[in-house]
Amino acid sequence: MTIPSSRTDVAYREELDELSALTPAASLFHGLSDPTRLAILQHLSAGEHRVRDLTDHLGLAQSTVSAHLACLRDCGLVDSRPEGRASMFSLTAVPELLGALSAAEKLLAATGYAVTLCPNYGIGKTGDPEPSELREHGQDGLSELRRGNES
């Protein structure tokens, strides 16, 4: 362990600690960042379902739904219990999860869904760009979106 030699070193370490403390929240949002996973969560908000129920409802392959359920289970957002040869999936922490999704809907509405125009994460974007790849946000698309919401 080294002792910081200057005020700058202390500030840097405090900043790293603050970023590290935010990592679980960023991981949660990343787990929620896929439309298929959100659709699964939305469907499970009505009650527990089998993988087959979800594949029929979403029109996706069983392997796709299973992979997303595994991700959601690893994130602690869904759980399963055996029922015969099937597994029944359900939401965990239901009021908290539904509250977070409701808050997200309110935030989207409050911002006029501007995030859809984000050149880094908006509609049609995939993956997670590196910091050096992040593009600036132009105001033209945002202004156009806001004008459309006002009419």
N, C-alpha and C. Protein backbone atom coordinates (compact mmCIF):
# COMPACT_ATOMS: atom_id res chain seq x y z
N MET A 1 0.84 -1.17 0.00
CA MET A 1 0.00 0.00 0.00
C MET A 1 0.88 1.23 0.00
N THR A 2 0.55 2.17 -0.89
CA THR A 2 1.32 3.41 -0.92
C THR A 2 0.49 4.53 -0.33
N ILE A 3 1.18 5.43 0.29
CA ILE A 3 0.51 6.59 0.88
C ILE A 3 0.53 7.70 -0.15
N PRO A 4 -0.61 8.35 -0.40
CA PRO A 4 -0.64 9.42 -1.39
C PRO A 4 0.40 10.48 -1.06
N SER A 5 1.11 10.93 -2.09
CA SER A 5 2.16 11.91 -1.88
C SER A 5 1.70 13.35 -2.08
N SER A 6 0.50 13.52 -2.59
CA SER A 6 0.01 14.88 -2.80
C SER A 6 -1.50 14.92 -2.71
N ARG A 7 -2.02 16.11 -2.66
CA ARG A 7 -3.48 16.31 -2.63
C ARG A 7 -4.12 15.72 -3.89
N THR A 8 -3.44 15.82 -5.02
CA THR A 8 -3.95 15.30 -6.28
C THR A 8 -4.15 13.79 -6.19
N ASP A 9 -3.20 13.07 -5.57
CA ASP A 9 -3.33 11.63 -5.42
C ASP A 9 -4.55 11.27 -4.57
N VAL A 10 -4.80 12.03 -3.53
CA VAL A 10 -5.96 11.78 -2.66
C VAL A 10 -7.24 12.00 -3.46
N ALA A 11 -7.33 13.09 -4.20
CA ALA A 11 -8.52 13.38 -5.00
C ALA A 11 -8.75 12.30 -6.04
N TYR A 12 -7.67 11.83 -6.66
CA TYR A 12 -7.77 10.78 -7.67
C TYR A 12 -8.33 9.50 -7.06
N ARG A 13 -7.82 9.13 -5.89
CA ARG A 13 -8.30 7.91 -5.24
C ARG A 13 -9.76 8.04 -4.80
N GLU A 14 -10.14 9.21 -4.35
CA GLU A 14 -11.54 9.43 -3.97
C GLU A 14 -12.44 9.31 -5.19
N GLU A 15 -11.98 9.83 -6.32
CA GLU A 15 -12.75 9.73 -7.55
C GLU A 15 -12.89 8.26 -7.98
N LEU A 16 -11.82 7.49 -7.87
CA LEU A 16 -11.88 6.07 -8.21
C LEU A 16 -12.83 5.34 -7.27
N ASP A 17 -12.80 5.66 -5.99
CA ASP A 17 -13.72 5.04 -5.04
C ASP A 17 -15.16 5.36 -5.40
N GLU A 18 -15.42 6.61 -5.79
CA GLU A 18 -16.78 7.01 -6.17
C GLU A 18 -17.23 6.25 -7.41
N LEU A 19 -16.35 6.12 -8.40
CA LEU A 19 -16.70 5.37 -9.61
C LEU A 19 -16.93 3.90 -9.28
N SER A 20 -16.10 3.34 -8.44
CA SER A 20 -16.27 1.93 -8.05
C SER A 20 -17.60 1.71 -7.34
N ALA A 21 -18.01 2.68 -6.54
CA ALA A 21 -19.28 2.56 -5.83
C ALA A 21 -20.47 2.59 -6.79
N LEU A 22 -20.29 3.17 -7.97
CA LEU A 22 -21.37 3.25 -8.95
C LEU A 22 -21.42 2.04 -9.88
N THR A 23 -20.41 1.19 -9.82
CA THR A 23 -20.34 0.03 -10.72
C THR A 23 -21.56 -0.88 -10.61
N PRO A 24 -22.05 -1.21 -9.41
CA PRO A 24 -23.24 -2.07 -9.35
C PRO A 24 -24.46 -1.44 -10.05
N ALA A 25 -24.67 -0.13 -9.90
CA ALA A 25 -25.80 0.53 -10.56
C ALA A 25 -25.62 0.48 -12.07
N ALA A 26 -24.40 0.74 -12.54
CA ALA A 26 -24.15 0.67 -13.99
C ALA A 26 -24.39 -0.75 -14.51
N SER A 27 -23.99 -1.74 -13.72
CA SER A 27 -24.22 -3.13 -14.12
C SER A 27 -25.71 -3.44 -14.19
N LEU A 28 -26.47 -2.92 -13.24
CA LEU A 28 -27.92 -3.13 -13.26
C LEU A 28 -28.53 -2.54 -14.53
N PHE A 29 -28.17 -1.29 -14.83
CA PHE A 29 -28.71 -0.66 -16.04
C PHE A 29 -28.26 -1.39 -17.29
N HIS A 30 -27.06 -1.91 -17.30
CA HIS A 30 -26.60 -2.68 -18.45
C HIS A 30 -27.44 -3.95 -18.59
N GLY A 31 -27.76 -4.59 -17.47
CA GLY A 31 -28.61 -5.78 -17.50
C GLY A 31 -30.00 -5.48 -18.03
N LEU A 32 -30.46 -4.26 -17.83
CA LEU A 32 -31.78 -3.84 -18.31
C LEU A 32 -31.73 -3.22 -19.71
N SER A 33 -30.56 -3.19 -20.32
CA SER A 33 -30.39 -2.41 -21.55
C SER A 33 -30.86 -3.11 -22.82
N ASP A 34 -31.36 -4.30 -22.73
CA ASP A 34 -31.79 -5.03 -23.92
C ASP A 34 -33.31 -5.06 -24.01
N PRO A 35 -33.88 -4.69 -25.16
CA PRO A 35 -35.35 -4.69 -25.30
C PRO A 35 -35.98 -6.05 -25.03
N THR A 36 -35.31 -7.13 -25.39
CA THR A 36 -35.86 -8.47 -25.13
C THR A 36 -35.95 -8.72 -23.63
N ARG A 37 -34.90 -8.35 -22.89
CA ARG A 37 -34.95 -8.55 -21.44
C ARG A 37 -36.05 -7.70 -20.82
N LEU A 38 -36.22 -6.48 -21.30
CA LEU A 38 -37.31 -5.64 -20.78
C LEU A 38 -38.67 -6.25 -21.10
N ALA A 39 -38.82 -6.82 -22.29
CA ALA A 39 -40.09 -7.46 -22.66
C ALA A 39 -40.36 -8.67 -21.76
N ILE A 40 -39.32 -9.42 -21.45
CA ILE A 40 -39.48 -10.57 -20.55
C ILE A 40 -39.92 -10.09 -19.17
N LEU A 41 -39.25 -9.05 -18.67
CA LEU A 41 -39.62 -8.51 -17.35
C LEU A 41 -41.06 -8.01 -17.36
N GLN A 42 -41.44 -7.35 -18.43
CA GLN A 42 -42.81 -6.83 -18.54
C GLN A 42 -43.80 -7.99 -18.53
N HIS A 43 -43.51 -9.05 -19.25
CA HIS A 43 -44.41 -10.20 -19.28
C HIS A 43 -44.47 -10.88 -17.92
N LEU A 44 -43.33 -10.98 -17.24
CA LEU A 44 -43.31 -11.62 -15.92
C LEU A 44 -43.98 -10.75 -14.86
N SER A 45 -44.17 -9.48 -15.14
CA SER A 45 -44.86 -8.63 -14.15
C SER A 45 -46.31 -9.04 -13.98
N ALA A 46 -46.84 -9.80 -14.94
CA ALA A 46 -48.21 -10.31 -14.84
C ALA A 46 -48.27 -11.62 -14.04
N GLY A 47 -47.11 -12.18 -13.72
CA GLY A 47 -47.07 -13.43 -12.97
C GLY A 47 -46.02 -14.36 -13.54
N GLU A 48 -45.85 -15.51 -12.88
CA GLU A 48 -44.80 -16.43 -13.32
C GLU A 48 -45.19 -17.13 -14.62
N HIS A 49 -44.15 -17.47 -15.40
CA HIS A 49 -44.36 -18.11 -16.69
C HIS A 49 -43.24 -19.11 -16.96
N ARG A 50 -43.56 -20.06 -17.82
CA ARG A 50 -42.56 -21.01 -18.31
C ARG A 50 -41.82 -20.38 -19.49
N VAL A 51 -40.67 -20.92 -19.83
CA VAL A 51 -39.93 -20.45 -21.00
C VAL A 51 -40.82 -20.54 -22.23
N ARG A 52 -41.56 -21.63 -22.33
CA ARG A 52 -42.43 -21.82 -23.51
C ARG A 52 -43.47 -20.69 -23.61
N ASP A 53 -44.05 -20.28 -22.48
CA ASP A 53 -45.01 -19.18 -22.49
C ASP A 53 -44.35 -17.92 -23.05
N LEU A 54 -43.12 -17.67 -22.61
CA LEU A 54 -42.41 -16.47 -23.04
C LEU A 54 -42.03 -16.55 -24.52
N THR A 55 -41.60 -17.73 -24.98
CA THR A 55 -41.24 -17.86 -26.40
C THR A 55 -42.48 -17.66 -27.28
N ASP A 56 -43.61 -18.22 -26.86
CA ASP A 56 -44.85 -18.04 -27.62
C ASP A 56 -45.27 -16.57 -27.64
N HIS A 57 -45.20 -15.91 -26.50
CA HIS A 57 -45.62 -14.51 -26.40
C HIS A 57 -44.71 -13.59 -27.19
N LEU A 58 -43.40 -13.82 -27.11
CA LEU A 58 -42.44 -12.91 -27.73
C LEU A 58 -42.07 -13.30 -29.16
N GLY A 59 -42.39 -14.54 -29.54
CA GLY A 59 -42.05 -14.99 -30.89
C GLY A 59 -40.56 -15.17 -31.09
N LEU A 60 -39.87 -15.56 -30.04
CA LEU A 60 -38.43 -15.74 -30.11
C LEU A 60 -38.07 -17.21 -29.91
N ALA A 61 -36.86 -17.57 -30.30
CA ALA A 61 -36.39 -18.95 -30.10
C ALA A 61 -36.23 -19.24 -28.62
N GLN A 62 -36.41 -20.50 -28.27
CA GLN A 62 -36.27 -20.92 -26.88
C GLN A 62 -34.88 -20.60 -26.36
N SER A 63 -33.86 -20.81 -27.19
CA SER A 63 -32.49 -20.55 -26.76
C SER A 63 -32.26 -19.07 -26.46
N THR A 64 -32.89 -18.19 -27.23
CA THR A 64 -32.76 -16.75 -27.01
C THR A 64 -33.40 -16.36 -25.69
N VAL A 65 -34.62 -16.83 -25.47
CA VAL A 65 -35.33 -16.51 -24.23
C VAL A 65 -34.57 -17.08 -23.03
N SER A 66 -34.09 -18.30 -23.15
CA SER A 66 -33.34 -18.93 -22.05
C SER A 66 -32.07 -18.14 -21.73
N ALA A 67 -31.37 -17.67 -22.75
CA ALA A 67 -30.15 -16.90 -22.52
C ALA A 67 -30.46 -15.60 -21.80
N HIS A 68 -31.53 -14.92 -22.20
CA HIS A 68 -31.91 -13.67 -21.53
C HIS A 68 -32.39 -13.93 -20.10
N LEU A 69 -33.11 -15.02 -19.89
CA LEU A 69 -33.53 -15.37 -18.53
C LEU A 69 -32.32 -15.67 -17.64
N ALA A 70 -31.32 -16.32 -18.21
CA ALA A 70 -30.10 -16.60 -17.44
C ALA A 70 -29.42 -15.29 -17.04
N CYS A 71 -29.37 -14.33 -17.95
CA CYS A 71 -28.79 -13.03 -17.64
C CYS A 71 -29.59 -12.35 -16.52
N LEU A 72 -30.91 -12.35 -16.65
CA LEU A 72 -31.76 -11.71 -15.65
C LEU A 72 -31.65 -12.42 -14.30
N ARG A 73 -31.48 -13.73 -14.33
CA ARG A 73 -31.30 -14.48 -13.07
C ARG A 73 -29.95 -14.12 -12.46
N ASP A 74 -28.90 -14.05 -13.28
CA ASP A 74 -27.57 -13.67 -12.78
C ASP A 74 -27.57 -12.27 -12.18
N CYS A 75 -28.42 -11.39 -12.73
CA CYS A 75 -28.55 -10.03 -12.20
C CYS A 75 -29.43 -9.98 -10.96
N GLY A 76 -30.05 -11.10 -10.60
CA GLY A 76 -30.90 -11.15 -9.43
C GLY A 76 -32.29 -10.58 -9.65
N LEU A 77 -32.69 -10.44 -10.92
CA LEU A 77 -33.99 -9.84 -11.23
C LEU A 77 -35.11 -10.85 -11.42
N VAL A 78 -34.76 -12.10 -11.74
CA VAL A 78 -35.76 -13.16 -11.85
C VAL A 78 -35.26 -14.38 -11.09
N ASP A 79 -36.21 -15.23 -10.76
CA ASP A 79 -35.90 -16.48 -10.09
C ASP A 79 -36.75 -17.56 -10.75
N SER A 80 -36.41 -18.80 -10.51
CA SER A 80 -37.20 -19.89 -11.08
C SER A 80 -37.41 -20.97 -10.04
N ARG A 81 -38.45 -21.73 -10.27
CA ARG A 81 -38.73 -22.89 -9.42
C ARG A 81 -39.17 -24.02 -10.34
N PRO A 82 -38.80 -25.25 -10.00
CA PRO A 82 -39.20 -26.37 -10.85
C PRO A 82 -40.69 -26.66 -10.70
N GLU A 83 -41.30 -27.01 -11.80
CA GLU A 83 -42.68 -27.50 -11.78
C GLU A 83 -42.76 -28.61 -12.83
N GLY A 84 -42.72 -29.83 -12.34
CA GLY A 84 -42.65 -30.97 -13.26
C GLY A 84 -41.33 -30.91 -14.02
N ARG A 85 -41.43 -31.00 -15.35
CA ARG A 85 -40.23 -30.95 -16.18
C ARG A 85 -39.90 -29.52 -16.61
N ALA A 86 -40.72 -28.57 -16.24
CA ALA A 86 -40.51 -27.18 -16.63
C ALA A 86 -40.01 -26.36 -15.44
N SER A 87 -39.60 -25.17 -15.73
CA SER A 87 -39.25 -24.19 -14.70
C SER A 87 -40.18 -23.01 -14.83
N MET A 88 -40.67 -22.55 -13.69
CA MET A 88 -41.53 -21.38 -13.65
C MET A 88 -40.68 -20.17 -13.25
N PHE A 89 -40.68 -19.15 -14.09
CA PHE A 89 -39.89 -17.96 -13.83
C PHE A 89 -40.78 -16.86 -13.28
N SER A 90 -40.21 -16.09 -12.35
CA SER A 90 -40.94 -14.97 -11.76
C SER A 90 -39.95 -13.86 -11.41
N LEU A 91 -40.51 -12.68 -11.20
CA LEU A 91 -39.70 -11.52 -10.81
C LEU A 91 -39.29 -11.64 -9.35
N THR A 92 -38.13 -11.12 -9.03
CA THR A 92 -37.72 -10.95 -7.64
C THR A 92 -37.86 -9.47 -7.32
N ALA A 93 -37.93 -9.12 -6.08
CA ALA A 93 -38.00 -7.71 -5.66
C ALA A 93 -39.02 -6.96 -6.52
N VAL A 94 -40.23 -7.52 -6.59
CA VAL A 94 -41.26 -7.00 -7.50
C VAL A 94 -41.54 -5.51 -7.31
N PRO A 95 -41.84 -5.02 -6.11
CA PRO A 95 -42.18 -3.59 -6.01
C PRO A 95 -41.01 -2.69 -6.42
N GLU A 96 -39.80 -3.09 -6.06
CA GLU A 96 -38.64 -2.26 -6.41
C GLU A 96 -38.39 -2.26 -7.91
N LEU A 97 -38.47 -3.43 -8.54
CA LEU A 97 -38.24 -3.52 -9.98
C LEU A 97 -39.32 -2.76 -10.75
N LEU A 98 -40.58 -2.97 -10.37
CA LEU A 98 -41.66 -2.26 -11.06
C LEU A 98 -41.56 -0.76 -10.82
N GLY A 99 -41.11 -0.36 -9.63
CA GLY A 99 -40.90 1.06 -9.35
C GLY A 99 -39.80 1.65 -10.22
N ALA A 100 -38.71 0.90 -10.40
CA ALA A 100 -37.61 1.38 -11.25
C ALA A 100 -38.06 1.50 -12.69
N LEU A 101 -38.81 0.51 -13.19
CA LEU A 101 -39.29 0.56 -14.58
C LEU A 101 -40.30 1.69 -14.77
N SER A 102 -41.15 1.90 -13.76
CA SER A 102 -42.10 3.02 -13.82
C SER A 102 -41.37 4.36 -13.83
N ALA A 103 -40.35 4.47 -12.99
CA ALA A 103 -39.55 5.70 -12.96
C ALA A 103 -38.86 5.94 -14.30
N ALA A 104 -38.39 4.87 -14.93
CA ALA A 104 -37.76 5.00 -16.25
C ALA A 104 -38.77 5.51 -17.28
N GLU A 105 -40.00 4.99 -17.24
CA GLU A 105 -41.04 5.47 -18.17
C GLU A 105 -41.32 6.95 -17.95
N LYS A 106 -41.38 7.37 -16.69
CA LYS A 106 -41.63 8.78 -16.38
C LYS A 106 -40.48 9.65 -16.84
N LEU A 107 -39.26 9.17 -16.66
CA LEU A 107 -38.09 9.93 -17.11
C LEU A 107 -38.07 10.06 -18.63
N LEU A 108 -38.39 8.98 -19.32
CA LEU A 108 -38.47 9.04 -20.79
C LEU A 108 -39.50 10.06 -21.23
N ALA A 109 -40.66 10.04 -20.60
CA ALA A 109 -41.71 11.00 -20.96
C ALA A 109 -41.27 12.43 -20.64
N ALA A 110 -40.62 12.63 -19.51
CA ALA A 110 -40.19 13.98 -19.10
C ALA A 110 -39.14 14.56 -20.04
N THR A 111 -38.32 13.68 -20.64
CA THR A 111 -37.27 14.15 -21.54
C THR A 111 -37.69 14.09 -23.00
N GLY A 112 -38.94 13.76 -23.23
CA GLY A 112 -39.43 13.68 -24.61
C GLY A 112 -38.78 12.55 -25.40
N TYR A 113 -38.36 11.50 -24.70
CA TYR A 113 -37.73 10.34 -25.33
C TYR A 113 -36.48 10.73 -26.12
N ALA A 114 -35.80 11.81 -25.70
CA ALA A 114 -34.62 12.31 -26.39
C ALA A 114 -33.52 11.25 -26.50
N VAL A 115 -33.46 10.33 -25.57
CA VAL A 115 -32.42 9.31 -25.58
C VAL A 115 -32.46 8.48 -26.86
N THR A 116 -33.61 8.41 -27.50
CA THR A 116 -33.71 7.64 -28.74
C THR A 116 -32.84 8.24 -29.84
N LEU A 117 -32.51 9.54 -29.72
CA LEU A 117 -31.67 10.20 -30.71
C LEU A 117 -30.19 10.19 -30.35
N CYS A 118 -29.85 9.63 -29.21
CA CYS A 118 -28.46 9.62 -28.76
C CYS A 118 -27.58 8.93 -29.81
N PRO A 119 -26.53 9.61 -30.28
CA PRO A 119 -25.67 8.99 -31.29
C PRO A 119 -24.85 7.82 -30.76
N ASN A 120 -24.82 7.64 -29.45
CA ASN A 120 -24.06 6.55 -28.86
C ASN A 120 -24.92 5.37 -28.43
N TYR A 121 -26.13 5.65 -27.96
CA TYR A 121 -26.97 4.59 -27.39
C TYR A 121 -28.39 4.59 -27.94
N GLY A 122 -28.73 5.49 -28.82
CA GLY A 122 -30.10 5.62 -29.33
C GLY A 122 -30.52 4.48 -30.23
N ILE A 123 -31.68 4.65 -30.83
CA ILE A 123 -32.26 3.63 -31.69
C ILE A 123 -31.29 3.22 -32.78
N GLY A 124 -31.15 1.91 -32.96
CA GLY A 124 -30.28 1.36 -33.99
C GLY A 124 -28.83 1.19 -33.56
N LYS A 125 -28.49 1.64 -32.38
CA LYS A 125 -27.10 1.49 -31.90
C LYS A 125 -26.98 0.19 -31.13
N THR A 126 -25.87 -0.46 -31.28
CA THR A 126 -25.63 -1.70 -30.55
C THR A 126 -24.26 -1.62 -29.89
N GLY A 127 -24.09 -2.39 -28.87
CA GLY A 127 -22.82 -2.44 -28.19
C GLY A 127 -22.60 -1.26 -27.26
N ASP A 128 -21.43 -1.23 -26.70
CA ASP A 128 -21.06 -0.21 -25.74
C ASP A 128 -19.81 0.48 -26.27
N PRO A 129 -19.93 1.71 -26.79
CA PRO A 129 -18.74 2.34 -27.37
C PRO A 129 -17.68 2.63 -26.31
N GLU A 130 -16.44 2.57 -26.73
CA GLU A 130 -15.33 2.96 -25.88
C GLU A 130 -15.37 4.47 -25.69
N PRO A 131 -14.83 4.99 -24.59
CA PRO A 131 -14.85 6.44 -24.38
C PRO A 131 -14.31 7.24 -25.57
N SER A 132 -13.29 6.73 -26.23
CA SER A 132 -12.72 7.44 -27.39
C SER A 132 -13.66 7.43 -28.59
N GLU A 133 -14.64 6.53 -28.61
CA GLU A 133 -15.59 6.41 -29.72
C GLU A 133 -16.88 7.20 -29.50
N LEU A 134 -17.07 7.76 -28.31
CA LEU A 134 -18.30 8.49 -28.01
C LEU A 134 -18.43 9.69 -28.92
N ARG A 135 -19.61 9.86 -29.49
CA ARG A 135 -19.88 10.96 -30.41
C ARG A 135 -20.63 12.06 -29.68
N GLU A 136 -20.43 13.28 -30.15
CA GLU A 136 -21.14 14.42 -29.55
C GLU A 136 -22.60 14.38 -29.93
N HIS A 137 -23.41 14.91 -29.06
CA HIS A 137 -24.84 14.99 -29.31
C HIS A 137 -25.13 16.27 -30.06
N GLY A 138 -25.77 16.15 -31.20
CA GLY A 138 -26.18 17.33 -31.94
C GLY A 138 -27.52 17.82 -31.42
N GLN A 139 -27.74 19.08 -31.46
CA GLN A 139 -28.99 19.65 -30.96
C GLN A 139 -30.11 19.58 -32.00
N ASP A 140 -29.77 19.39 -33.28
CA ASP A 140 -30.80 19.38 -34.32
C ASP A 140 -31.84 18.30 -34.10
N GLY A 141 -31.40 17.06 -33.86
CA GLY A 141 -32.34 15.97 -33.67
C GLY A 141 -33.15 16.15 -32.41
N LEU A 142 -32.52 16.64 -31.34
CA LEU A 142 -33.23 16.86 -30.09
C LEU A 142 -34.29 17.93 -30.26
N SER A 143 -33.96 19.01 -30.93
CA SER A 143 -34.94 20.08 -31.15
C SER A 143 -36.10 19.57 -31.99
N GLU A 144 -35.78 18.77 -33.00
CA GLU A 144 -36.82 18.22 -33.86
C GLU A 144 -37.74 17.28 -33.08
N LEU A 145 -37.17 16.45 -32.21
CA LEU A 145 -37.97 15.54 -31.39
C LEU A 145 -38.89 16.33 -30.46
N ARG A 146 -38.35 17.37 -29.82
CA ARG A 146 -39.17 18.16 -28.90
C ARG A 146 -40.29 18.88 -29.65
N ARG A 147 -40.00 19.38 -30.84
CA ARG A 147 -41.07 20.04 -31.63
C ARG A 147 -42.16 19.05 -31.97
N GLY A 148 -41.77 17.82 -32.30
CA GLY A 148 -42.75 16.78 -32.64
C GLY A 148 -43.63 16.43 -31.46
N ASN A 149 -43.08 16.44 -30.23
CA ASN A 149 -43.86 16.11 -29.04
C ASN A 149 -44.79 17.23 -28.64
N GLU A 150 -44.48 18.45 -29.07
CA GLU A 150 -45.32 19.58 -28.69
C GLU A 150 -46.55 19.69 -29.59
N SER A 151 -46.49 19.10 -30.78
CA SER A 151 -47.65 19.23 -31.70
C SER A 151 -48.67 18.16 -31.49
